Amino acid sequence: MAQKPKVDPHVGRLGYLQALVTEFQETESQDAKEQVLANLANFAYDPNNYQYLRQLQEASATCAQTGPTRSTSCRQGASRSSSTACPVPTRRPCYLPSPRSCT
């Protein structure tokens, strides 16, 4: 199980999401990567997080980096959050990966 990222409590939501992305990129464990990806997908449910996810521009890269996985967490997280990640058009597209990119 992935440990909670070590983030100063004063960095705010963007800092916490950035810490999750960094943890995802640096961890060697496939299980930990899947856990972090599921956490990122959960953040995509909340409309307050859209601006932060857009700023990070990491959503599409993270699932693609996991490669083939035996777990369904990547597919489930992507399918659940892809419909909510960008409900309002923006100048810069923000896409979460399709479930197919996780298989």
PDB file of N, CA and C in Angstrom:
ATOM      1  N   MET A   1       0.835  -1.176   0.000  1.00  0.00           N
ATOM      2  CA  MET A   1       0.000   0.000   0.000  1.00  0.00           C
ATOM      3  C   MET A   1       0.881   1.241   0.000  1.00  0.00           C
ATOM      4  N   ALA A   2       0.542   2.196  -0.830  1.00  0.00           N
ATOM      5  CA  ALA A   2       1.323   3.421  -0.931  1.00  0.00           C
ATOM      6  C   ALA A   2       1.162   4.244   0.343  1.00  0.00           C
ATOM      7  N   GLN A   3       2.272   4.842   0.750  1.00  0.00           N
ATOM      8  CA  GLN A   3       2.216   5.701   1.923  1.00  0.00           C
ATOM      9  C   GLN A   3       1.728   7.077   1.516  1.00  0.00           C
ATOM     10  N   LYS A   4       1.153   7.773   2.488  1.00  0.00           N
ATOM     11  CA  LYS A   4       0.672   9.126   2.246  1.00  0.00           C
ATOM     12  C   LYS A   4       1.868  10.012   1.891  1.00  0.00           C
ATOM     13  N   PRO A   5       1.764  10.797   0.807  1.00  0.00           N
ATOM     14  CA  PRO A   5       2.893  11.650   0.435  1.00  0.00           C
ATOM     15  C   PRO A   5       3.243  12.613   1.570  1.00  0.00           C
ATOM     16  N   LYS A   6       4.527  12.871   1.718  1.00  0.00           N
ATOM     17  CA  LYS A   6       4.981  13.803   2.744  1.00  0.00           C
ATOM     18  C   LYS A   6       4.880  15.212   2.187  1.00  0.00           C
ATOM     19  N   VAL A   7       3.828  15.900   2.579  1.00  0.00           N
ATOM     20  CA  VAL A   7       3.549  17.240   2.078  1.00  0.00           C
ATOM     21  C   VAL A   7       3.325  18.164   3.251  1.00  0.00           C
ATOM     22  N   ASP A   8       3.919  19.329   3.180  1.00  0.00           N
ATOM     23  CA  ASP A   8       3.682  20.353   4.191  1.00  0.00           C
ATOM     24  C   ASP A   8       2.196  20.687   4.176  1.00  0.00           C
ATOM     25  N   PRO A   9       1.541  20.723   5.333  1.00  0.00           N
ATOM     26  CA  PRO A   9       0.091  20.983   5.355  1.00  0.00           C
ATOM     27  C   PRO A   9      -0.293  22.347   4.796  1.00  0.00           C
ATOM     28  N   HIS A  10       0.660  23.225   4.602  1.00  0.00           N
ATOM     29  CA  HIS A  10       0.357  24.562   4.112  1.00  0.00           C
ATOM     30  C   HIS A  10       0.502  24.701   2.602  1.00  0.00           C
ATOM     31  N   VAL A  11       0.860  23.636   1.892  1.00  0.00           N
ATOM     32  CA  VAL A  11       1.049  23.746   0.444  1.00  0.00           C
ATOM     33  C   VAL A  11      -0.262  23.742  -0.319  1.00  0.00           C
ATOM     34  N   GLY A  12      -1.312  23.268   0.290  1.00  0.00           N
ATOM     35  CA  GLY A  12      -2.621  23.284  -0.362  1.00  0.00           C
ATOM     36  C   GLY A  12      -2.852  22.117  -1.292  1.00  0.00           C
ATOM     37  N   ARG A  13      -3.963  22.203  -1.976  1.00  0.00           N
ATOM     38  CA  ARG A  13      -4.428  21.110  -2.825  1.00  0.00           C
ATOM     39  C   ARG A  13      -3.505  20.853  -4.010  1.00  0.00           C
ATOM     40  N   LEU A  14      -3.058  21.923  -4.660  1.00  0.00           N
ATOM     41  CA  LEU A  14      -2.159  21.751  -5.802  1.00  0.00           C
ATOM     42  C   LEU A  14      -0.868  21.062  -5.372  1.00  0.00           C
ATOM     43  N   GLY A  15      -0.330  21.468  -4.248  1.00  0.00           N
ATOM     44  CA  GLY A  15       0.886  20.844  -3.739  1.00  0.00           C
ATOM     45  C   GLY A  15       0.681  19.370  -3.421  1.00  0.00           C
ATOM     46  N   TYR A  16      -0.480  19.044  -2.871  1.00  0.00           N
ATOM     47  CA  TYR A  16      -0.767  17.651  -2.552  1.00  0.00           C
ATOM     48  C   TYR A  16      -0.887  16.815  -3.829  1.00  0.00           C
ATOM     49  N   LEU A  17      -1.593  17.345  -4.823  1.00  0.00           N
ATOM     50  CA  LEU A  17      -1.721  16.624  -6.087  1.00  0.00           C
ATOM     51  C   LEU A  17      -0.362  16.474  -6.759  1.00  0.00           C
ATOM     52  N   GLN A  18       0.465  17.505  -6.687  1.00  0.00           N
ATOM     53  CA  GLN A  18       1.808  17.415  -7.261  1.00  0.00           C
ATOM     54  C   GLN A  18       2.626  16.342  -6.543  1.00  0.00           C
ATOM     55  N   ALA A  19       2.458  16.244  -5.226  1.00  0.00           N
ATOM     56  CA  ALA A  19       3.164  15.209  -4.464  1.00  0.00           C
ATOM     57  C   ALA A  19       2.704  13.813  -4.894  1.00  0.00           C
ATOM     58  N   LEU A  20       1.417  13.657  -5.171  1.00  0.00           N
ATOM     59  CA  LEU A  20       0.920  12.365  -5.662  1.00  0.00           C
ATOM     60  C   LEU A  20       1.537  12.023  -7.014  1.00  0.00           C
ATOM     61  N   VAL A  21       1.584  13.003  -7.907  1.00  0.00           N
ATOM     62  CA  VAL A  21       2.171  12.779  -9.229  1.00  0.00           C
ATOM     63  C   VAL A  21       3.648  12.412  -9.088  1.00  0.00           C
ATOM     64  N   THR A  22       4.356  13.130  -8.241  1.00  0.00           N
ATOM     65  CA  THR A  22       5.777  12.839  -8.016  1.00  0.00           C
ATOM     66  C   THR A  22       5.960  11.446  -7.445  1.00  0.00           C
ATOM     67  N   GLU A  23       5.115  11.089  -6.480  1.00  0.00           N
ATOM     68  CA  GLU A  23       5.189   9.743  -5.906  1.00  0.00           C
ATOM     69  C   GLU A  23       4.951   8.693  -6.977  1.00  0.00           C
ATOM     70  N   PHE A  24       3.983   8.933  -7.833  1.00  0.00           N
ATOM     71  CA  PHE A  24       3.692   7.990  -8.908  1.00  0.00           C
ATOM     72  C   PHE A  24       4.904   7.807  -9.815  1.00  0.00           C
ATOM     73  N   GLN A  25       5.525   8.916 -10.170  1.00  0.00           N
ATOM     74  CA  GLN A  25       6.653   8.868 -11.095  1.00  0.00           C
ATOM     75  C   GLN A  25       7.893   8.226 -10.485  1.00  0.00           C
ATOM     76  N   GLU A  26       8.070   8.357  -9.187  1.00  0.00           N
ATOM     77  CA  GLU A  26       9.295   7.879  -8.556  1.00  0.00           C
ATOM     78  C   GLU A  26       9.206   6.484  -7.976  1.00  0.00           C
ATOM     79  N   THR A  27       8.021   5.983  -7.719  1.00  0.00           N
ATOM     80  CA  THR A  27       7.896   4.678  -7.073  1.00  0.00           C
ATOM     81  C   THR A  27       8.216   3.555  -8.056  1.00  0.00           C
ATOM     82  N   GLU A  28       8.767   2.492  -7.524  1.00  0.00           N
ATOM     83  CA  GLU A  28       9.110   1.323  -8.337  1.00  0.00           C
ATOM     84  C   GLU A  28       8.010   0.268  -8.300  1.00  0.00           C
ATOM     85  N   SER A  29       7.209   0.264  -7.263  1.00  0.00           N
ATOM     86  CA  SER A  29       6.205  -0.766  -7.047  1.00  0.00           C
ATOM     87  C   SER A  29       4.970  -0.535  -7.922  1.00  0.00           C
ATOM     88  N   GLN A  30       4.598  -1.549  -8.681  1.00  0.00           N
ATOM     89  CA  GLN A  30       3.408  -1.458  -9.530  1.00  0.00           C
ATOM     90  C   GLN A  30       2.149  -1.276  -8.678  1.00  0.00           C
ATOM     91  N   ASP A  31       2.086  -1.981  -7.548  1.00  0.00           N
ATOM     92  CA  ASP A  31       0.923  -1.838  -6.663  1.00  0.00           C
ATOM     93  C   ASP A  31       0.807  -0.415  -6.127  1.00  0.00           C
ATOM     94  N   ALA A  32       1.929   0.172  -5.748  1.00  0.00           N
ATOM     95  CA  ALA A  32       1.916   1.550  -5.247  1.00  0.00           C
ATOM     96  C   ALA A  32       1.492   2.515  -6.350  1.00  0.00           C
ATOM     97  N   LYS A  33       1.960   2.285  -7.577  1.00  0.00           N
ATOM     98  CA  LYS A  33       1.562   3.136  -8.705  1.00  0.00           C
ATOM     99  C   LYS A  33       0.050   3.077  -8.924  1.00  0.00           C
ATOM    100  N   GLU A  34      -0.504   1.873  -8.840  1.00  0.00           N
ATOM    101  CA  GLU A  34      -1.942   1.721  -9.031  1.00  0.00           C
ATOM    102  C   GLU A  34      -2.729   2.428  -7.929  1.00  0.00           C
ATOM    103  N   GLN A  35      -2.218   2.358  -6.706  1.00  0.00           N
ATOM    104  CA  GLN A  35      -2.881   3.029  -5.586  1.00  0.00           C
ATOM    105  C   GLN A  35      -2.861   4.547  -5.776  1.00  0.00           C
ATOM    106  N   VAL A  36      -1.710   5.079  -6.154  1.00  0.00           N
ATOM    107  CA  VAL A  36      -1.591   6.528  -6.364  1.00  0.00           C
ATOM    108  C   VAL A  36      -2.479   6.962  -7.521  1.00  0.00           C
ATOM    109  N   LEU A  37      -2.511   6.174  -8.581  1.00  0.00           N
ATOM    110  CA  LEU A  37      -3.362   6.500  -9.723  1.00  0.00           C
ATOM    111  C   LEU A  37      -4.833   6.510  -9.317  1.00  0.00           C
ATOM    112  N   ALA A  38      -5.226   5.560  -8.488  1.00  0.00           N
ATOM    113  CA  ALA A  38      -6.605   5.543  -7.998  1.00  0.00           C
ATOM    114  C   ALA A  38      -6.898   6.791  -7.167  1.00  0.00           C
ATOM    115  N   ASN A  39      -5.928   7.225  -6.362  1.00  0.00           N
ATOM    116  CA  ASN A  39      -6.104   8.453  -5.581  1.00  0.00           C
ATOM    117  C   ASN A  39      -6.269   9.663  -6.498  1.00  0.00           C
ATOM    118  N   LEU A  40      -5.457   9.750  -7.535  1.00  0.00           N
ATOM    119  CA  LEU A  40      -5.582  10.857  -8.485  1.00  0.00           C
ATOM    120  C   LEU A  40      -6.945  10.829  -9.181  1.00  0.00           C
ATOM    121  N   ALA A  41      -7.403   9.632  -9.531  1.00  0.00           N
ATOM    122  CA  ALA A  41      -8.714   9.513 -10.174  1.00  0.00           C
ATOM    123  C   ALA A  41      -9.823   9.961  -9.226  1.00  0.00           C
ATOM    124  N   ASN A  42      -9.687   9.676  -7.949  1.00  0.00           N
ATOM    125  CA  ASN A  42     -10.685  10.121  -6.977  1.00  0.00           C
ATOM    126  C   ASN A  42     -10.745  11.639  -6.897  1.00  0.00           C
ATOM    127  N   PHE A  43      -9.615  12.291  -7.025  1.00  0.00           N
ATOM    128  CA  PHE A  43      -9.606  13.749  -7.009  1.00  0.00           C
ATOM    129  C   PHE A  43     -10.347  14.324  -8.215  1.00  0.00           C
ATOM    130  N   ALA A  44     -10.392  13.592  -9.306  1.00  0.00           N
ATOM    131  CA  ALA A  44     -11.058  14.083 -10.517  1.00  0.00           C
ATOM    132  C   ALA A  44     -12.574  14.143 -10.353  1.00  0.00           C
ATOM    133  N   TYR A  45     -13.117  13.495  -9.339  1.00  0.00           N
ATOM    134  CA  TYR A  45     -14.560  13.567  -9.088  1.00  0.00           C
ATOM    135  C   TYR A  45     -14.999  14.944  -8.626  1.00  0.00           C
ATOM    136  N   ASP A  46     -14.134  15.657  -7.946  1.00  0.00           N
ATOM    137  CA  ASP A  46     -14.474  16.931  -7.322  1.00  0.00           C
ATOM    138  C   ASP A  46     -14.218  18.086  -8.290  1.00  0.00           C
ATOM    139  N   PRO A  47     -15.257  18.825  -8.669  1.00  0.00           N
ATOM    140  CA  PRO A  47     -15.071  19.945  -9.604  1.00  0.00           C
ATOM    141  C   PRO A  47     -14.082  20.984  -9.098  1.00  0.00           C
ATOM    142  N   ASN A  48     -13.876  21.075  -7.793  1.00  0.00           N
ATOM    143  CA  ASN A  48     -12.895  22.021  -7.263  1.00  0.00           C
ATOM    144  C   ASN A  48     -11.474  21.666  -7.670  1.00  0.00           C
ATOM    145  N   ASN A  49     -11.259  20.431  -8.070  1.00  0.00           N
ATOM    146  CA  ASN A  49      -9.912  19.987  -8.433  1.00  0.00           C
ATOM    147  C   ASN A  49      -9.595  20.148  -9.914  1.00  0.00           C
ATOM    148  N   TYR A  50     -10.583  20.484 -10.747  1.00  0.00           N
ATOM    149  CA  TYR A  50     -10.351  20.560 -12.189  1.00  0.00           C
ATOM    150  C   TYR A  50      -9.199  21.502 -12.518  1.00  0.00           C
ATOM    151  N   GLN A  51      -9.203  22.682 -11.905  1.00  0.00           N
ATOM    152  CA  GLN A  51      -8.163  23.655 -12.219  1.00  0.00           C
ATOM    153  C   GLN A  51      -6.776  23.125 -11.851  1.00  0.00           C
ATOM    154  N   TYR A  52      -6.692  22.381 -10.765  1.00  0.00           N
ATOM    155  CA  TYR A  52      -5.399  21.853 -10.344  1.00  0.00           C
ATOM    156  C   TYR A  52      -4.939  20.727 -11.267  1.00  0.00           C
ATOM    157  N   LEU A  53      -5.866  19.881 -11.657  1.00  0.00           N
ATOM    158  CA  LEU A  53      -5.517  18.800 -12.573  1.00  0.00           C
ATOM    159  C   LEU A  53      -5.105  19.361 -13.934  1.00  0.00           C
ATOM    160  N   ARG A  54      -5.753  20.427 -14.347  1.00  0.00           N
ATOM    161  CA  ARG A  54      -5.348  21.069 -15.604  1.00  0.00           C
ATOM    162  C   ARG A  54      -3.947  21.646 -15.483  1.00  0.00           C
ATOM    163  N   GLN A  55      -3.658  22.252 -14.349  1.00  0.00           N
ATOM    164  CA  GLN A  55      -2.328  22.830 -14.149  1.00  0.00           C
ATOM    165  C   GLN A  55      -1.248  21.756 -14.175  1.00  0.00           C
ATOM    166  N   LEU A  56      -1.536  20.641 -13.593  1.00  0.00           N
ATOM    167  CA  LEU A  56      -0.540  19.574 -13.546  1.00  0.00           C
ATOM    168  C   LEU A  56      -0.325  18.925 -14.903  1.00  0.00           C
ATOM    169  N   GLN A  57      -1.370  18.886 -15.714  1.00  0.00           N
ATOM    170  CA  GLN A  57      -1.281  18.284 -17.043  1.00  0.00           C
ATOM    171  C   GLN A  57      -0.664  16.886 -16.997  1.00  0.00           C
ATOM    172  N   GLU A  58      -0.889  16.173 -15.914  1.00  0.00           N
ATOM    173  CA  GLU A  58      -0.285  14.862 -15.738  1.00  0.00           C
ATOM    174  C   GLU A  58      -1.267  13.714 -15.921  1.00  0.00           C
ATOM    175  N   ALA A  59      -2.525  14.012 -15.940  1.00  0.00           N
ATOM    176  CA  ALA A  59      -3.518  12.943 -15.904  1.00  0.00           C
ATOM    177  C   ALA A  59      -3.358  11.948 -17.044  1.00  0.00           C
ATOM    178  N   SER A  60      -3.160  12.440 -18.251  1.00  0.00           N
ATOM    179  CA  SER A  60      -3.074  11.508 -19.378  1.00  0.00           C
ATOM    180  C   SER A  60      -1.774  10.729 -19.372  1.00  0.00           C
ATOM    181  N   ALA A  61      -0.714  11.309 -18.855  1.00  0.00           N
ATOM    182  CA  ALA A  61       0.583  10.635 -18.849  1.00  0.00           C
ATOM    183  C   ALA A  61       0.653   9.542 -17.797  1.00  0.00           C
ATOM    184  N   THR A  62      -0.014   9.725 -16.671  1.00  0.00           N
ATOM    185  CA  THR A  62       0.150   8.778 -15.581  1.00  0.00           C
ATOM    186  C   THR A  62      -0.378   7.402 -15.931  1.00  0.00           C
ATOM    187  N   CYS A  63      -1.537   7.315 -16.488  1.00  0.00           N
ATOM    188  CA  CYS A  63      -2.103   5.999 -16.797  1.00  0.00           C
ATOM    189  C   CYS A  63      -1.310   5.336 -17.912  1.00  0.00           C
ATOM    190  N   ALA A  64      -0.877   6.106 -18.881  1.00  0.00           N
ATOM    191  CA  ALA A  64      -0.107   5.546 -19.993  1.00  0.00           C
ATOM    192  C   ALA A  64       1.209   4.964 -19.489  1.00  0.00           C
ATOM    193  N   GLN A  65       1.778   5.534 -18.438  1.00  0.00           N
ATOM    194  CA  GLN A  65       3.051   5.065 -17.914  1.00  0.00           C
ATOM    195  C   GLN A  65       2.929   3.765 -17.153  1.00  0.00           C
ATOM    196  N   THR A  66       1.734   3.419 -16.697  1.00  0.00           N
ATOM    197  CA  THR A  66       1.604   2.208 -15.890  1.00  0.00           C
ATOM    198  C   THR A  66       1.802   0.962 -16.727  1.00  0.00           C
ATOM    199  N   GLY A  67       1.548   1.055 -18.026  1.00  0.00           N
ATOM    200  CA  GLY A  67       1.687  -0.113 -18.878  1.00  0.00           C
ATOM    201  C   GLY A  67       0.640  -1.156 -18.541  1.00  0.00           C
ATOM    202  N   PRO A  68       0.858  -2.391 -18.997  1.00  0.00           N
ATOM    203  CA  PRO A  68      -0.103  -3.450 -18.696  1.00  0.00           C
ATOM    204  C   PRO A  68      -0.195  -3.674 -17.192  1.00  0.00           C
ATOM    205  N   THR A  69      -1.397  -3.900 -16.730  1.00  0.00           N
ATOM    206  CA  THR A  69      -1.599  -4.097 -15.303  1.00  0.00           C
ATOM    207  C   THR A  69      -2.566  -5.240 -15.054  1.00  0.00           C
ATOM    208  N   ARG A  70      -2.334  -5.941 -13.986  1.00  0.00           N
ATOM    209  CA  ARG A  70      -3.230  -7.056 -13.657  1.00  0.00           C
ATOM    210  C   ARG A  70      -4.437  -6.568 -12.884  1.00  0.00           C
ATOM    211  N   SER A  71      -4.384  -5.335 -12.406  1.00  0.00           N
ATOM    212  CA  SER A  71      -5.455  -4.780 -11.601  1.00  0.00           C
ATOM    213  C   SER A  71      -6.417  -3.983 -12.465  1.00  0.00           C
ATOM    214  N   THR A  72      -7.610  -3.796 -11.944  1.00  0.00           N
ATOM    215  CA  THR A  72      -8.589  -2.997 -12.674  1.00  0.00           C
ATOM    216  C   THR A  72      -8.627  -1.564 -12.181  1.00  0.00           C
ATOM    217  N   SER A  73      -7.810  -1.220 -11.186  1.00  0.00           N
ATOM    218  CA  SER A  73      -7.886   0.133 -10.610  1.00  0.00           C
ATOM    219  C   SER A  73      -7.610   1.204 -11.642  1.00  0.00           C
ATOM    220  N   CYS A  74      -6.681   0.966 -12.527  1.00  0.00           N
ATOM    221  CA  CYS A  74      -6.360   1.957 -13.551  1.00  0.00           C
ATOM    222  C   CYS A  74      -7.548   2.142 -14.481  1.00  0.00           C
ATOM    223  N   ARG A  75      -8.103   1.038 -14.950  1.00  0.00           N
ATOM    224  CA  ARG A  75      -9.256   1.131 -15.853  1.00  0.00           C
ATOM    225  C   ARG A  75     -10.448   1.772 -15.169  1.00  0.00           C
ATOM    226  N   GLN A  76     -10.709   1.377 -13.930  1.00  0.00           N
ATOM    227  CA  GLN A  76     -11.857   1.928 -13.227  1.00  0.00           C
ATOM    228  C   GLN A  76     -11.687   3.409 -12.954  1.00  0.00           C
ATOM    229  N   GLY A  77     -10.515   3.795 -12.503  1.00  0.00           N
ATOM    230  CA  GLY A  77     -10.271   5.205 -12.216  1.00  0.00           C
ATOM    231  C   GLY A  77     -10.385   6.054 -13.458  1.00  0.00           C
ATOM    232  N   ALA A  78      -9.844   5.575 -14.556  1.00  0.00           N
ATOM    233  CA  ALA A  78      -9.903   6.341 -15.796  1.00  0.00           C
ATOM    234  C   ALA A  78     -11.325   6.443 -16.312  1.00  0.00           C
ATOM    235  N   SER A  79     -12.066   5.349 -16.257  1.00  0.00           N
ATOM    236  CA  SER A  79     -13.421   5.401 -16.797  1.00  0.00           C
ATOM    237  C   SER A  79     -14.345   6.238 -15.927  1.00  0.00           C
ATOM    238  N   ARG A  80     -14.156   6.190 -14.615  1.00  0.00           N
ATOM    239  CA  ARG A  80     -15.005   6.976 -13.723  1.00  0.00           C
ATOM    240  C   ARG A  80     -14.715   8.464 -13.819  1.00  0.00           C
ATOM    241  N   SER A  81     -13.447   8.799 -13.939  1.00  0.00           N
ATOM    242  CA  SER A  81     -13.091  10.210 -13.875  1.00  0.00           C
ATOM    243  C   SER A  81     -13.041  10.874 -15.243  1.00  0.00           C
ATOM    244  N   SER A  82     -12.932  10.119 -16.320  1.00  0.00           N
ATOM    245  CA  SER A  82     -12.797  10.746 -17.626  1.00  0.00           C
ATOM    246  C   SER A  82     -14.034  11.540 -18.007  1.00  0.00           C
ATOM    247  N   SER A  83     -15.179  11.139 -17.508  1.00  0.00           N
ATOM    248  CA  SER A  83     -16.393  11.869 -17.853  1.00  0.00           C
ATOM    249  C   SER A  83     -16.547  13.144 -17.034  1.00  0.00           C
ATOM    250  N   THR A  84     -15.790  13.280 -15.949  1.00  0.00           N
ATOM    251  CA  THR A  84     -15.925  14.461 -15.106  1.00  0.00           C
ATOM    252  C   THR A  84     -14.717  15.373 -15.148  1.00  0.00           C
ATOM    253  N   ALA A  85     -13.625  14.931 -15.718  1.00  0.00           N
ATOM    254  CA  ALA A  85     -12.390  15.712 -15.637  1.00  0.00           C
ATOM    255  C   ALA A  85     -12.497  17.059 -16.339  1.00  0.00           C
ATOM    256  N   CYS A  86     -13.206  17.149 -17.413  1.00  0.00           N
ATOM    257  CA  CYS A  86     -13.276  18.407 -18.148  1.00  0.00           C
ATOM    258  C   CYS A  86     -14.689  18.684 -18.646  1.00  0.00           C
ATOM    259  N   PRO A  87     -15.611  18.976 -17.767  1.00  0.00           N
ATOM    260  CA  PRO A  87     -16.973  19.209 -18.210  1.00  0.00           C
ATOM    261  C   PRO A  87     -17.135  20.533 -18.952  1.00  0.00           C
ATOM    262  N   VAL A  88     -16.226  21.464 -18.735  1.00  0.00           N
ATOM    263  CA  VAL A  88     -16.308  22.763 -19.368  1.00  0.00           C
ATOM    264  C   VAL A  88     -15.147  22.907 -20.329  1.00  0.00           C
ATOM    265  N   PRO A  89     -15.406  23.274 -21.587  1.00  0.00           N
ATOM    266  CA  PRO A  89     -14.298  23.419 -22.536  1.00  0.00           C
ATOM    267  C   PRO A  89     -13.292  24.449 -22.043  1.00  0.00           C
ATOM    268  N   THR A  90     -12.031  24.166 -22.294  1.00  0.00           N
ATOM    269  CA  THR A  90     -10.966  25.082 -21.927  1.00  0.00           C
ATOM    270  C   THR A  90     -10.120  25.354 -23.160  1.00  0.00           C
ATOM    271  N   ARG A  91      -9.260  26.331 -23.058  1.00  0.00           N
ATOM    272  CA  ARG A  91      -8.368  26.624 -24.183  1.00  0.00           C
ATOM    273  C   ARG A  91      -7.364  25.500 -24.381  1.00  0.00           C
ATOM    274  N   ARG A  92      -6.938  24.900 -23.279  1.00  0.00           N
ATOM    275  CA  ARG A  92      -6.020  23.773 -23.354  1.00  0.00           C
ATOM    276  C   ARG A  92      -6.782  22.524 -22.965  1.00  0.00           C
ATOM    277  N   PRO A  93      -6.886  21.550 -23.842  1.00  0.00           N
ATOM    278  CA  PRO A  93      -7.634  20.339 -23.499  1.00  0.00           C
ATOM    279  C   PRO A  93      -7.011  19.617 -22.304  1.00  0.00           C
ATOM    280  N   CYS A  94      -7.877  19.060 -21.511  1.00  0.00           N
ATOM    281  CA  CYS A  94      -7.459  18.274 -20.352  1.00  0.00           C
ATOM    282  C   CYS A  94      -8.161  16.933 -20.469  1.00  0.00           C
ATOM    283  N   TYR A  95      -7.428  15.907 -20.777  1.00  0.00           N
ATOM    284  CA  TYR A  95      -8.043  14.604 -20.978  1.00  0.00           C
ATOM    285  C   TYR A  95      -7.465  13.600 -20.005  1.00  0.00           C
ATOM    286  N   LEU A  96      -8.338  12.832 -19.424  1.00  0.00           N
ATOM    287  CA  LEU A  96      -7.874  11.671 -18.689  1.00  0.00           C
ATOM    288  C   LEU A  96      -7.840  10.526 -19.678  1.00  0.00           C
ATOM    289  N   PRO A  97      -6.975   9.590 -19.472  1.00  0.00           N
ATOM    290  CA  PRO A  97      -6.829   8.502 -20.433  1.00  0.00           C
ATOM    291  C   PRO A  97      -8.073   7.637 -20.516  1.00  0.00           C
ATOM    292  N   SER A  98      -8.228   7.032 -21.649  1.00  0.00           N
ATOM    293  CA  SER A  98      -9.340   6.107 -21.807  1.00  0.00           C
ATOM    294  C   SER A  98      -8.985   4.808 -21.098  1.00  0.00           C
ATOM    295  N   PRO A  99      -9.979   4.031 -20.721  1.00  0.00           N
ATOM    296  CA  PRO A  99      -9.683   2.750 -20.071  1.00  0.00           C
ATOM    297  C   PRO A  99      -8.813   1.843 -20.936  1.00  0.00           C
ATOM    298  N   ARG A 100      -8.875   1.997 -22.240  1.00  0.00           N
ATOM    299  CA  ARG A 100      -8.076   1.144 -23.127  1.00  0.00           C
ATOM    300  C   ARG A 100      -6.584   1.385 -22.961  1.00  0.00           C
ATOM    301  N   SER A 101      -6.187   2.597 -22.578  1.00  0.00           N
ATOM    302  CA  SER A 101      -4.761   2.871 -22.424  1.00  0.00           C
ATOM    303  C   SER A 101      -4.179   2.161 -21.214  1.00  0.00           C
ATOM    304  N   CYS A 102      -5.025   1.601 -20.391  1.00  0.00           N
ATOM    305  CA  CYS A 102      -4.566   0.911 -19.178  1.00  0.00           C
ATOM    306  C   CYS A 102      -4.480  -0.585 -19.371  1.00  0.00           C
ATOM    307  N   THR A 103      -4.925  -1.078 -20.479  1.00  0.00           N
ATOM    308  CA  THR A 103      -4.927  -2.538 -20.641  1.00  0.00           C
ATOM    309  C   THR A 103      -3.744  -2.985 -21.447  1.00  0.00           C
TER     310      THR A 103
END
